[in-house]
């Protein structure tokens, strides 16, 4: 019923229209049974009239069944599309730290697995609706033939339904357990993909990982799925047994309990046999329907988690041109704290941070691993919200209502960046010369072409992919640029290009540039150097003559028209 309520809530008018058409299909099916039954009874209406009624009713049944299935398929596809869009919107509107706490395996299991299962369950609704309408129509005909016999059949059917629901409940428990196991399996698959190099190099590690993680999880899924299938098979056998007991009761028991004509009895047996096909089809759809209910519950659980402390609608999309001139950004006593992993351990605290950023500045941020550099970047860009203190932009406090607009000031290449295959959100038309220039500077002109808004390839080394990410950032032309360990996997040639050519160019354009790096030999090129330790800025060094690079004793940037 949860799935039906979900469809009803999605569009009441459309679902009511579908129900009406399905009822017509059921009535036409019952009329066919009545006409066939009447043709088998000698005497009465002429055979020609019966044949005409048969043809008309058959055409009506076929037409209503066709339109019902087409309408329901369109309705189901629309519902699944809206559901996918809503989940994507909710993920994008949810704070980054909450998504990180939830973990990608759970998100992937729901977005990929649950949506697919629910889609399959919704798509069998046309068959379910048609078969239910046929059964209802035939039941109406049976009640018209003989009320006493119909009540007797209804009593038997009630016993069968109660037993069937009990068996389905036991199957539902196993299906829920199997679905929970898929979260674990998605996490194991992610570990397998991300750690495949390490697993290949260490046979014992690989064997233990497969045995304790993959094998145990898949074995759990196997046992739960077998248990669910076992209960469903028992329920199927139970329903078949009850059906033939009902036929036997009609043939041998009904005449002993009530007065029923041979004509009515023949009609009952014929209708019961006619109802076998839609009933078996309904029973065959039950596993898919049940798994759809479980997936719907998981989707609602995720949706409720994403909705916590959020408005019902995602943050409005910013469609205006991004600001290219940096504002004055002030971080005042801002802190951010990660929750403690356990009661015995303390959480990591960043801050309090006090920092002012303006136009035309190049700021280097350095510090040991785990000191809070990446957390500072996330806080500065508005991906994390301060737990205390605040961020001002041109004197205005950045709160939840303005955070989306504030984020549009930044273009970043994170340490864990993602390179999109298309230049989403960028109009590359008329910028061919600019794109080609940056590809040449970055030494990628002989490997990659930009065709319309698509990169010709992303199957490159980590350093080359990072250079393409830098190209995308340049094309965005935002006010503030952030590079988190961009040069870590670049060779000396492109390190010098980055530090001595690209960063000064951004500074000359009035951009504010924050570079997280350990390359201290280039620090003299920056206006400031910030050093972090244990989440605090412990040292800040200013370079008023940062433009004077002679002291670095570095050669001029070499030509980049060479293979990396």
Protein backbone atom coordinates (compact mmCIF):
# COMPACT_ATOMS: atom_id res chain seq x y z
CA UNK A 1 0.00 0.00 0.00
CA UNK A 2 2.96 2.34 0.57
CA UNK A 3 3.78 2.21 -3.12
CA UNK A 4 0.16 2.86 -4.07
CA UNK A 5 -0.04 5.82 -1.68
CA UNK A 6 3.18 7.14 -3.17
CA UNK A 7 1.69 7.01 -6.68
CA UNK A 8 -1.58 8.50 -5.47
CA UNK A 9 0.23 11.39 -3.81
CA UNK A 10 2.24 12.00 -6.98
CA UNK A 11 -0.84 12.75 -9.10
CA UNK A 12 -4.32 12.04 -7.77
CA UNK A 13 -6.18 13.03 -10.96
CA UNK A 14 -4.06 10.89 -13.26
CA UNK A 15 -4.25 7.88 -10.99
CA UNK A 16 -8.04 8.20 -10.69
CA UNK A 17 -8.28 8.33 -14.48
CA UNK A 18 -6.17 5.19 -14.68
CA UNK A 19 -8.35 3.45 -12.12
CA UNK A 20 -11.47 4.34 -14.13
CA UNK A 21 -10.01 2.95 -17.36
CA UNK A 22 -8.82 -0.18 -15.53
CA UNK A 23 -12.31 -0.71 -14.10
CA UNK A 24 -13.72 -0.54 -17.62
CA UNK A 25 -11.18 -3.18 -18.64
CA UNK A 26 -12.29 -5.40 -15.78
CA UNK A 27 -15.96 -4.96 -16.60
CA UNK A 28 -15.28 -5.79 -20.25
CA UNK A 29 -13.42 -8.93 -19.15
CA UNK A 30 -16.34 -9.97 -16.96
CA UNK A 31 -18.69 -9.31 -19.86
CA UNK A 32 -16.58 -11.58 -22.07
CA UNK A 33 -16.83 -14.35 -19.49
CA UNK A 34 -20.61 -13.88 -19.33
CA UNK A 35 -20.95 -13.92 -23.12
CA UNK A 36 -18.82 -17.06 -23.49
CA UNK A 37 -20.75 -18.73 -20.69
CA UNK A 38 -24.03 -17.75 -22.33
CA UNK A 39 -22.87 -19.20 -25.65
CA UNK A 40 -22.21 -22.54 -23.94
CA UNK A 41 -25.75 -22.68 -22.55
CA UNK A 42 -28.25 -24.01 -25.12
CA UNK A 43 -31.33 -21.96 -26.02
CA UNK A 44 -32.13 -18.31 -25.38
CA UNK A 45 -30.40 -15.56 -27.36
CA UNK A 46 -29.46 -16.32 -30.94
CA UNK A 47 -25.86 -17.20 -31.75
CA UNK A 48 -25.53 -14.26 -34.14
CA UNK A 49 -26.36 -11.74 -31.45
CA UNK A 50 -23.99 -13.45 -29.03
CA UNK A 51 -21.18 -13.34 -31.63
CA UNK A 52 -21.77 -9.63 -32.25
CA UNK A 53 -21.70 -8.94 -28.52
CA UNK A 54 -18.50 -10.97 -28.22
CA UNK A 55 -16.74 -8.96 -30.93
CA UNK A 56 -17.85 -5.59 -29.54
CA UNK A 57 -16.88 -6.52 -25.96
CA UNK A 58 -13.52 -7.92 -27.08
CA UNK A 59 -12.71 -4.70 -28.95
CA UNK A 60 -13.77 -2.63 -25.93
CA UNK A 61 -11.61 -4.73 -23.60
CA UNK A 62 -8.59 -4.53 -25.91
CA UNK A 63 -8.95 -0.76 -26.37
CA UNK A 64 -9.38 0.05 -22.67
CA UNK A 65 -6.54 -2.32 -21.73
CA UNK A 66 -4.24 -0.67 -24.28
CA UNK A 67 -5.05 2.87 -23.15
CA UNK A 68 -4.74 1.88 -19.48
CA UNK A 69 -1.27 0.43 -20.00
CA UNK A 70 -0.08 3.37 -22.11
CA UNK A 71 -1.37 5.90 -19.57
CA UNK A 72 0.15 4.03 -16.65
CA UNK A 73 3.54 3.56 -18.33
CA UNK A 74 3.71 7.31 -19.08
CA UNK A 75 2.63 8.08 -15.54
CA UNK A 76 5.19 5.67 -14.06
CA UNK A 77 8.05 7.05 -16.14
CA UNK A 78 7.12 10.59 -15.13
CA UNK A 79 7.10 9.62 -11.46
CA UNK A 80 10.52 7.95 -11.66
CA UNK A 81 11.95 10.95 -13.53
CA UNK A 82 10.65 13.37 -10.89
CA UNK A 83 11.98 11.14 -8.12
CA UNK A 84 15.46 11.04 -9.65
CA UNK A 85 15.46 14.81 -10.10
CA UNK A 86 14.27 15.39 -6.54
CA UNK A 87 16.98 13.15 -5.09
CA UNK A 88 19.67 14.89 -7.15
CA UNK A 89 18.37 18.29 -6.05
CA UNK A 90 18.34 17.21 -2.41
CA UNK A 91 21.91 15.87 -2.62
CA UNK A 92 23.12 19.13 -4.18
CA UNK A 93 21.25 21.18 -1.56
CA UNK A 94 22.55 19.15 1.41
CA UNK A 95 25.60 20.53 3.25
CA UNK A 96 28.83 18.85 2.21
CA UNK A 97 29.77 17.72 5.72
CA UNK A 98 26.45 15.87 6.08
CA UNK A 99 26.99 14.10 2.76
CA UNK A 100 30.48 13.11 3.87
CA UNK A 101 29.10 11.75 7.15
CA UNK A 102 26.49 9.69 5.29
CA UNK A 103 29.11 8.15 3.04
CA UNK A 104 29.03 7.60 -0.70
CA UNK A 105 28.10 3.85 -0.52
CA UNK A 106 24.73 4.67 0.99
CA UNK A 107 24.10 7.45 -1.52
CA UNK A 108 25.13 5.27 -4.46
CA UNK A 109 23.04 2.33 -3.26
CA UNK A 110 19.96 4.53 -3.13
CA UNK A 111 20.54 6.58 -6.29
CA UNK A 112 21.56 3.58 -8.36
CA UNK A 113 20.03 0.44 -6.86
CA UNK A 114 16.87 1.66 -5.12
CA UNK A 115 15.76 3.97 -7.92
CA UNK A 116 16.25 1.13 -10.41
CA UNK A 117 14.28 -1.35 -8.27
CA UNK A 118 11.50 1.17 -7.65
CA UNK A 119 11.37 1.94 -11.35
CA UNK A 120 10.90 -1.77 -12.09
CA UNK A 121 8.13 -2.00 -9.50
CA UNK A 122 6.33 1.03 -10.90
CA UNK A 123 6.61 -0.27 -14.46
CA UNK A 124 4.77 -3.51 -13.58
CA UNK A 125 1.84 -1.45 -12.31
CA UNK A 126 0.06 -1.58 -15.72
CA UNK A 127 0.03 -5.38 -15.55
CA UNK A 128 -1.08 -5.33 -11.91
CA UNK A 129 -3.87 -2.83 -12.59
CA UNK A 130 -5.16 -4.78 -15.57
CA UNK A 131 -5.10 -8.14 -13.79
CA UNK A 132 -6.76 -6.73 -10.66
CA UNK A 133 -9.48 -5.19 -12.81
CA UNK A 134 -10.08 -8.54 -14.53
CA UNK A 135 -10.36 -10.31 -11.18
CA UNK A 136 -12.75 -7.67 -9.85
CA UNK A 137 -14.87 -7.81 -12.97
CA UNK A 138 -15.10 -11.59 -12.82
CA UNK A 139 -15.97 -11.38 -9.12
CA UNK A 140 -18.87 -9.06 -9.95
CA UNK A 141 -20.10 -11.58 -12.51
CA UNK A 142 -19.81 -14.43 -10.00
CA UNK A 143 -21.78 -12.44 -7.43
CA UNK A 144 -24.48 -11.85 -10.06
CA UNK A 145 -24.67 -15.57 -10.81
CA UNK A 146 -25.20 -16.66 -7.19
CA UNK A 147 -24.75 -14.68 -3.98
CA UNK A 148 -24.57 -17.75 -1.67
CA UNK A 149 -21.83 -19.38 -3.71
CA UNK A 150 -19.99 -16.06 -4.01
CA UNK A 151 -19.99 -15.61 -0.21
CA UNK A 152 -18.68 -19.16 0.17
CA UNK A 153 -15.88 -18.39 -2.29
CA UNK A 154 -15.16 -15.09 -0.55
CA UNK A 155 -14.75 -16.89 2.76
CA UNK A 156 -12.26 -19.31 1.23
CA UNK A 157 -10.43 -16.42 -0.42
CA UNK A 158 -10.19 -14.60 2.93
CA UNK A 159 -8.52 -17.64 4.50
CA UNK A 160 -6.10 -17.77 1.58
CA UNK A 161 -5.30 -14.05 1.80
CA UNK A 162 -4.55 -14.22 5.54
CA UNK A 163 -2.18 -17.14 5.07
CA UNK A 164 -0.57 -15.46 2.08
CA UNK A 165 0.01 -12.20 3.98
CA UNK A 166 1.66 -14.09 6.85
CA UNK A 167 4.08 -15.74 4.44
CA UNK A 168 4.71 -12.42 2.67
CA UNK A 169 5.55 -10.75 5.99
CA UNK A 170 8.26 -13.33 6.61
CA UNK A 171 9.57 -12.77 3.09
CA UNK A 172 9.54 -9.01 3.65
CA UNK A 173 11.90 -9.36 6.63
CA UNK A 174 14.42 -11.22 4.47
CA UNK A 175 14.09 -8.68 1.64
CA UNK A 176 14.77 -5.77 4.02
CA UNK A 177 17.84 -7.57 5.41
CA UNK A 178 19.10 -8.20 1.87
CA UNK A 179 18.61 -4.53 0.97
CA UNK A 180 20.60 -3.40 4.02
CA UNK A 181 23.36 -5.76 2.95
CA UNK A 182 23.60 -3.99 -0.41
CA UNK A 183 24.85 -0.84 1.37
CA UNK A 184 27.76 -2.92 2.66
CA UNK A 185 28.34 -4.43 -0.76
CA UNK A 186 28.49 -1.00 -2.44
CA UNK A 187 31.07 0.06 0.15
CA UNK A 188 33.13 -3.05 -0.54
CA UNK A 189 32.94 -2.48 -4.29
CA UNK A 190 34.16 1.07 -3.81
CA UNK A 191 37.10 -0.21 -1.76
CA UNK A 192 37.81 -2.79 -4.46
CA UNK A 193 37.92 -0.18 -7.23
CA UNK A 194 39.89 2.45 -5.31
CA UNK A 195 42.33 -0.06 -3.79
CA UNK A 196 42.79 -2.36 -6.78
CA UNK A 197 46.49 -1.46 -7.21
CA UNK A 198 47.31 -2.26 -3.57
CA UNK A 199 45.29 -5.48 -3.73
CA UNK A 200 47.15 -6.61 -6.85
CA UNK A 201 50.52 -6.02 -5.15
CA UNK A 202 49.72 -7.95 -1.96
CA UNK A 203 48.32 -11.44 -2.45
CA UNK A 204 47.57 -12.09 1.22
CA UNK A 205 45.77 -8.75 1.59
CA UNK A 206 43.78 -9.45 -1.57
CA UNK A 207 42.77 -12.93 -0.41
CA UNK A 208 41.71 -11.75 3.05
CA UNK A 209 39.81 -8.77 1.66
CA UNK A 210 37.87 -10.91 -0.80
CA UNK A 211 37.22 -13.58 1.84
CA UNK A 212 36.16 -11.34 4.74
CA UNK A 213 34.49 -8.48 2.87
CA UNK A 214 33.25 -9.56 -0.55
CA UNK A 215 32.51 -13.23 0.20
CA UNK A 216 30.85 -12.62 3.57
CA UNK A 217 28.67 -9.81 2.26
CA UNK A 218 27.62 -11.65 -0.89
CA UNK A 219 26.96 -14.78 1.16
CA UNK A 220 24.70 -12.75 3.46
CA UNK A 221 22.82 -11.41 0.43
CA UNK A 222 22.57 -14.93 -1.00
CA UNK A 223 21.12 -16.35 2.20
CA UNK A 224 18.63 -13.50 2.64
CA UNK A 225 17.50 -13.64 -1.00
CA UNK A 226 17.11 -17.42 -0.81
CA UNK A 227 15.10 -17.06 2.41
CA UNK A 228 12.85 -14.46 0.77
CA UNK A 229 12.41 -16.60 -2.35
CA UNK A 230 11.65 -19.64 -0.18
CA UNK A 231 8.85 -17.81 1.61
CA UNK A 232 7.48 -16.46 -1.67
CA UNK A 233 7.46 -19.95 -3.18
CA UNK A 234 5.61 -21.31 -0.17
CA UNK A 235 3.09 -18.47 -0.55
CA UNK A 236 2.72 -19.30 -4.25
CA UNK A 237 2.14 -23.01 -3.52
CA UNK A 238 -0.34 -22.06 -0.80
CA UNK A 239 -2.34 -19.85 -3.18
CA UNK A 240 -2.38 -22.53 -5.90
CA UNK A 241 -3.51 -25.15 -3.39
CA UNK A 242 -6.32 -22.90 -2.16
CA UNK A 243 -7.40 -22.16 -5.71
CA UNK A 244 -7.88 -25.81 -6.63
CA UNK A 245 -9.52 -26.49 -3.27
CA UNK A 246 -11.95 -23.72 -4.24
CA UNK A 247 -12.65 -25.36 -7.60
CA UNK A 248 -13.21 -28.67 -5.86
CA UNK A 249 -15.54 -27.01 -3.40
CA UNK A 250 -17.53 -25.50 -6.27
CA UNK A 251 -17.86 -28.87 -7.96
CA UNK A 252 -18.50 -31.08 -4.96
CA UNK A 253 -19.25 -28.90 -1.92
CA UNK A 254 -21.48 -26.08 -3.15
CA UNK A 255 -24.34 -28.35 -4.31
CA UNK A 256 -24.39 -29.94 -0.85
CA UNK A 257 -24.68 -26.63 1.02
CA UNK A 258 -26.95 -24.57 -1.21
CA UNK A 259 -29.24 -24.89 -4.17
CA UNK A 260 -27.36 -23.87 -7.30
CA UNK A 261 -28.25 -24.50 -10.91
CA UNK A 262 -25.99 -26.34 -13.27
CA UNK A 263 -25.80 -23.20 -15.39
CA UNK A 264 -24.54 -21.10 -12.48
CA UNK A 265 -22.14 -23.84 -11.39
CA UNK A 266 -20.74 -24.13 -14.89
CA UNK A 267 -20.31 -20.36 -15.00
CA UNK A 268 -18.43 -20.40 -11.68
CA UNK A 269 -16.02 -23.10 -12.76
CA UNK A 270 -15.47 -21.45 -16.15
CA UNK A 271 -14.88 -18.02 -14.56
CA UNK A 272 -12.53 -19.52 -11.97
CA UNK A 273 -10.43 -21.12 -14.69
CA UNK A 274 -10.47 -17.83 -16.64
CA UNK A 275 -9.21 -16.03 -13.52
CA UNK A 276 -6.21 -18.35 -13.17
CA UNK A 277 -4.03 -16.44 -15.63
CA UNK A 278 -4.39 -12.95 -14.09
CA UNK A 279 -4.05 -14.43 -10.61
CA UNK A 280 -0.73 -16.16 -11.44
CA UNK A 281 0.46 -12.95 -13.08
CA UNK A 282 -0.30 -11.03 -9.88
CA UNK A 283 1.52 -13.59 -7.78
CA UNK A 284 4.52 -13.39 -10.11
CA UNK A 285 4.62 -9.60 -9.67
CA UNK A 286 4.60 -9.80 -5.86
CA UNK A 287 8.44 -10.15 -5.39
CA UNK A 288 9.12 -7.15 -7.64
CA UNK A 289 6.39 -5.17 -5.91
CA UNK A 290 7.74 -6.01 -2.44
CA UNK A 291 11.29 -5.07 -3.36
CA UNK A 292 9.91 -1.83 -4.76
CA UNK A 293 8.26 -1.11 -1.40
CA UNK A 294 11.56 -1.70 0.41
CA UNK A 295 13.42 0.54 -2.05
CA UNK A 296 10.76 3.24 -1.67
CA UNK A 297 11.23 3.11 2.11
CA UNK A 298 15.01 3.49 1.64
CA UNK A 299 14.53 6.40 -0.74
CA UNK A 300 12.20 8.11 1.72
CA UNK A 301 14.67 7.48 4.52
CA UNK A 302 17.46 9.10 2.52
CA UNK A 303 15.18 11.95 1.47
CA UNK A 304 14.21 12.60 5.08
CA UNK A 305 17.88 12.59 6.10
CA UNK A 306 18.76 15.05 3.35
CA UNK A 307 15.80 17.24 4.29
CA UNK A 308 16.86 17.62 7.92
CA UNK A 309 17.30 21.31 8.75
CA UNK A 310 16.78 22.18 5.09
CA UNK A 311 14.07 24.06 3.29
CA UNK A 312 11.70 21.95 1.21
CA UNK A 313 13.27 23.34 -1.97
CA UNK A 314 16.96 23.34 -2.88
CA UNK A 315 18.92 26.56 -2.92
CA UNK A 316 18.02 28.70 -5.92
CA UNK A 317 20.32 28.38 -8.91
CA UNK A 318 22.42 31.41 -9.60
CA UNK A 319 21.97 32.24 -13.29
CA UNK A 320 23.52 35.68 -13.39
CA UNK A 321 27.07 36.14 -14.68
CA UNK A 322 29.63 35.29 -11.99
CA UNK A 323 31.47 38.17 -10.41
CA UNK A 324 35.01 38.44 -11.78
CA UNK A 325 36.27 41.20 -9.45
CA UNK A 326 37.06 39.91 -5.95
CA UNK A 327 35.09 41.40 -3.08
CA UNK A 328 36.52 41.94 0.37
CA UNK A 329 36.14 38.64 2.21
CA UNK A 330 36.56 38.68 6.00
CA UNK A 331 36.63 35.59 8.17
CA UNK A 332 35.99 36.62 11.77
CA UNK A 333 36.58 34.15 14.62
CA UNK A 334 35.19 31.35 12.45
CA UNK A 335 35.44 27.74 13.64
CA UNK A 336 34.51 24.36 12.28
CA UNK A 337 34.57 21.10 14.22
CA UNK A 338 34.45 17.52 13.01
CA UNK A 339 32.53 15.21 15.36
CA UNK A 340 34.56 12.85 17.52
CA UNK A 341 34.92 9.39 15.92
CA UNK A 342 34.41 7.77 19.33
CA UNK A 343 33.88 8.66 22.99
CA UNK A 344 37.57 8.08 23.68
CA UNK A 345 38.75 10.47 20.95
CA UNK A 346 38.31 14.19 20.47
CA UNK A 347 37.02 15.77 17.27
CA UNK A 348 39.18 18.04 15.13
CA UNK A 349 38.63 21.78 15.64
CA UNK A 350 39.57 24.36 13.02
CA UNK A 351 39.90 27.88 14.31
CA UNK A 352 39.08 30.37 15.44
CA UNK A 353 40.24 31.80 12.12
CA UNK A 354 40.62 35.52 11.43
CA UNK A 355 41.52 36.35 7.84
CA UNK A 356 40.99 39.11 5.28
CA UNK A 357 41.20 38.48 1.53
CA UNK A 358 41.23 41.16 -1.15
CA UNK A 359 41.77 41.67 -4.84
CA UNK A 360 45.15 41.10 -6.48
CA UNK A 361 46.56 38.89 -3.73
CA UNK A 362 48.38 35.58 -3.99
CA UNK A 363 48.26 33.76 -0.66
CA UNK A 364 50.12 30.54 0.05
CA UNK A 365 48.76 28.21 2.73
CA UNK A 366 51.07 25.60 4.17
CA UNK A 367 51.27 23.20 7.08
CA UNK A 368 51.63 19.54 7.94
CA UNK A 369 49.20 16.80 7.04
CA UNK A 370 46.01 16.99 9.08
CA UNK A 371 46.57 20.58 10.17
CA UNK A 372 43.30 21.78 8.60
CA UNK A 373 44.31 23.21 5.22
CA UNK A 374 41.58 21.44 3.22
CA UNK A 375 39.04 22.20 5.94
CA UNK A 376 39.98 25.88 5.75
CA UNK A 377 39.42 25.77 1.97
CA UNK A 378 35.98 24.21 2.42
CA UNK A 379 35.09 26.80 5.06
CA UNK A 380 36.33 29.70 2.94
CA UNK A 381 34.39 28.59 -0.15
CA UNK A 382 31.13 28.15 1.77
CA UNK A 383 31.08 24.35 1.40
CA UNK A 384 31.24 24.17 5.20
CA UNK A 385 29.24 26.50 7.41
CA UNK A 386 31.03 27.98 10.44
CA UNK A 387 30.02 26.46 13.76
CA UNK A 388 30.79 29.79 15.35
CA UNK A 389 31.96 33.16 14.10
CA UNK A 390 31.04 34.23 10.59
CA UNK A 391 32.22 35.16 7.11
CA UNK A 392 31.58 38.60 5.64
CA UNK A 393 31.52 39.44 1.95
CA UNK A 394 31.76 43.17 1.26
CA UNK A 395 30.64 43.78 4.83
CA UNK A 396 27.59 41.47 4.73
CA UNK A 397 27.45 38.30 6.79
CA UNK A 398 27.18 35.19 4.64
CA UNK A 399 24.24 33.21 6.04
CA UNK A 400 22.23 30.28 4.68
CA UNK A 401 20.17 32.53 2.42
CA UNK A 402 23.23 33.97 0.71
CA UNK A 403 25.61 31.03 0.81
CA UNK A 404 24.73 29.77 -2.69
CA UNK A 405 25.41 33.22 -4.17
CA UNK A 406 28.64 33.47 -2.18
CA UNK A 407 29.94 30.15 -3.55
CA UNK A 408 29.71 31.51 -7.09
CA UNK A 409 32.70 33.76 -6.34
CA UNK A 410 35.06 30.79 -6.30
CA UNK A 411 36.73 28.57 -8.83
CA UNK A 412 38.70 25.73 -7.28
CA UNK A 413 40.82 22.75 -8.16
CA UNK A 414 40.64 20.60 -5.03
CA UNK A 415 43.14 17.95 -4.03
CA UNK A 416 40.41 15.36 -4.70
CA UNK A 417 39.09 17.17 -7.78
CA UNK A 418 36.72 15.70 -10.32
CA UNK A 419 37.27 16.33 -14.02
CA UNK A 420 34.03 16.51 -15.99
CA UNK A 421 34.06 15.35 -19.59
CA UNK A 422 32.03 18.38 -20.64
CA UNK A 423 32.44 22.07 -19.88
CA UNK A 424 29.17 22.23 -17.98
CA UNK A 425 27.92 25.74 -17.37
CA UNK A 426 30.47 27.30 -19.74
CA UNK A 427 29.74 28.66 -23.18
CA UNK A 428 32.77 27.59 -25.23
CA UNK A 429 31.49 29.13 -28.45
CA UNK A 430 33.77 31.88 -29.73
CA UNK A 431 36.47 31.00 -27.17
CA UNK A 432 38.45 28.61 -29.34
CA UNK A 433 41.58 30.79 -29.42
CA UNK A 434 41.51 31.28 -25.64
CA UNK A 435 41.06 27.54 -25.03
CA UNK A 436 43.83 26.67 -27.46
CA UNK A 437 46.16 29.17 -25.77
CA UNK A 438 45.67 27.60 -22.34
CA UNK A 439 46.01 24.09 -23.75
CA UNK A 440 49.34 25.14 -25.27
CA UNK A 441 50.55 26.77 -22.03
CA UNK A 442 49.63 23.62 -20.10
CA UNK A 443 51.23 21.32 -22.65
CA UNK A 444 47.94 19.58 -23.49
CA UNK A 445 47.36 20.87 -27.04
CA UNK A 446 48.76 17.70 -28.60
CA UNK A 447 46.63 15.41 -26.38
CA UNK A 448 43.25 17.07 -25.95
CA UNK A 449 40.85 19.02 -28.13
CA UNK A 450 37.71 20.81 -27.05
CA UNK A 451 34.92 19.97 -29.48
CA UNK A 452 31.98 22.30 -28.81
CA UNK A 453 31.74 21.85 -25.01
CA UNK A 454 33.27 18.37 -24.69
CA UNK A 455 36.85 17.28 -23.97
CA UNK A 456 38.06 14.81 -26.57
CA UNK A 457 39.47 12.57 -23.82
CA UNK A 458 39.95 12.39 -20.06
CA UNK A 459 41.90 9.11 -20.11
CA UNK A 460 45.09 10.81 -18.97
CA UNK A 461 47.57 10.75 -16.14
CA UNK A 462 46.70 12.35 -12.82
CA UNK A 463 48.91 15.36 -13.53
CA UNK A 464 47.45 15.86 -17.00
CA UNK A 465 43.90 15.62 -15.68
CA UNK A 466 44.76 18.23 -13.07
CA UNK A 467 45.98 20.54 -15.81
CA UNK A 468 42.65 20.17 -17.61
CA UNK A 469 40.88 20.97 -14.35
CA UNK A 470 42.99 24.12 -14.21
CA UNK A 471 41.89 24.95 -17.77
CA UNK A 472 38.24 24.69 -16.69
CA UNK A 473 38.92 26.95 -13.72
CA UNK A 474 40.51 29.58 -15.97
CA UNK A 475 37.55 29.54 -18.32
CA UNK A 476 35.16 30.14 -15.40
CA UNK A 477 36.78 33.53 -14.76
CA UNK A 478 35.72 33.75 -11.13
CA UNK A 479 36.80 36.33 -8.57
CA UNK A 480 38.67 33.99 -6.25
CA UNK A 481 40.82 31.03 -7.29
CA UNK A 482 41.79 28.18 -4.98
CA UNK A 483 44.38 25.55 -5.85
CA UNK A 484 44.72 22.76 -3.30
CA UNK A 485 48.03 20.93 -3.84
CA UNK A 486 47.72 21.52 -7.58
CA UNK A 487 51.46 21.19 -8.22
CA UNK A 488 51.94 18.06 -6.10
CA UNK A 489 51.90 15.68 -9.07
CA UNK A 490 53.42 18.01 -11.69
CA UNK A 491 56.93 17.77 -13.00
CA UNK A 492 59.34 20.73 -12.52
CA UNK A 493 58.48 22.19 -15.94
CA UNK A 494 54.82 22.66 -15.15
CA UNK A 495 55.47 23.67 -11.57
CA UNK A 496 57.39 26.65 -12.88
CA UNK A 497 54.68 27.39 -15.44
CA UNK A 498 52.10 27.34 -12.66
CA UNK A 499 53.99 29.43 -10.10
CA UNK A 500 55.87 31.85 -12.34
CA UNK A 501 53.49 32.39 -15.21
CA UNK A 502 49.90 31.47 -14.37
CA UNK A 503 49.73 32.78 -10.81
CA UNK A 504 51.27 36.19 -11.71
CA UNK A 505 48.84 36.39 -14.63
CA UNK A 506 45.87 35.86 -12.30
CA UNK A 507 47.29 38.43 -9.88
CA UNK A 508 47.69 40.93 -12.70
CA UNK A 509 44.01 40.42 -13.57
CA UNK A 510 43.09 41.43 -10.03
CA UNK A 511 42.10 37.96 -8.88
CA UNK A 512 42.48 36.70 -5.33
CA UNK A 513 44.42 33.42 -5.40
CA UNK A 514 44.83 30.95 -2.53
CA UNK A 515 47.36 28.19 -3.10
CA UNK A 516 47.68 25.27 -0.68
CA UNK A 517 51.18 23.94 -1.18
CA UNK A 518 54.42 22.68 0.37
CA UNK A 519 56.62 24.21 -2.36
CA UNK A 520 58.37 26.70 -0.07
CA UNK A 521 60.90 27.68 -2.75
CA UNK A 522 58.09 29.64 -4.47
CA UNK A 523 56.74 31.37 -1.36
CA UNK A 524 58.47 34.65 -2.21
CA UNK A 525 56.07 34.94 -5.17
CA UNK A 526 53.12 35.33 -2.80
CA UNK A 527 51.84 38.38 -0.98
CA UNK A 528 51.31 36.32 2.16
CA UNK A 529 52.19 32.89 3.53
CA UNK A 530 49.88 31.34 6.13
CA UNK A 531 51.07 28.40 8.19
CA UNK A 532 48.54 26.14 9.94
CA UNK A 533 49.12 23.84 12.89
CA UNK A 534 46.40 21.89 14.68
CA UNK A 535 43.65 23.92 13.04
CA UNK A 536 45.11 27.35 13.89
CA UNK A 537 47.00 29.95 11.88
CA UNK A 538 50.26 30.04 13.82
CA UNK A 539 52.30 32.20 11.47
CA UNK A 540 51.55 34.79 8.79
CA UNK A 541 54.33 36.21 6.69
CA UNK A 542 53.86 39.15 4.34
CA UNK A 543 55.89 39.80 1.18
CA UNK A 544 55.41 43.42 0.12
CA UNK A 545 57.78 42.97 -2.80
CA UNK A 546 56.36 39.71 -4.04
CA UNK A 547 56.67 40.81 -7.65
CA UNK A 548 60.42 40.78 -7.38
CA UNK A 549 61.25 37.20 -8.34
CA UNK A 550 64.94 37.66 -8.95
CA UNK A 551 65.76 36.49 -5.45
CA UNK A 552 64.37 33.09 -6.26
CA UNK A 553 67.26 32.47 -8.69
CA UNK A 554 64.93 30.53 -10.94
CA UNK A 555 65.29 30.38 -14.67
CA UNK A 556 62.61 31.85 -16.90
CA UNK A 557 59.66 29.56 -17.48
CA UNK A 558 60.74 26.99 -20.08
CA UNK A 559 58.86 26.37 -23.27
CA UNK A 560 55.87 24.15 -22.70
CA UNK A 561 55.49 23.01 -26.29
CA UNK A 562 56.91 19.64 -25.39
CA UNK A 563 55.57 16.32 -24.20
CA UNK A 564 55.15 16.11 -20.43
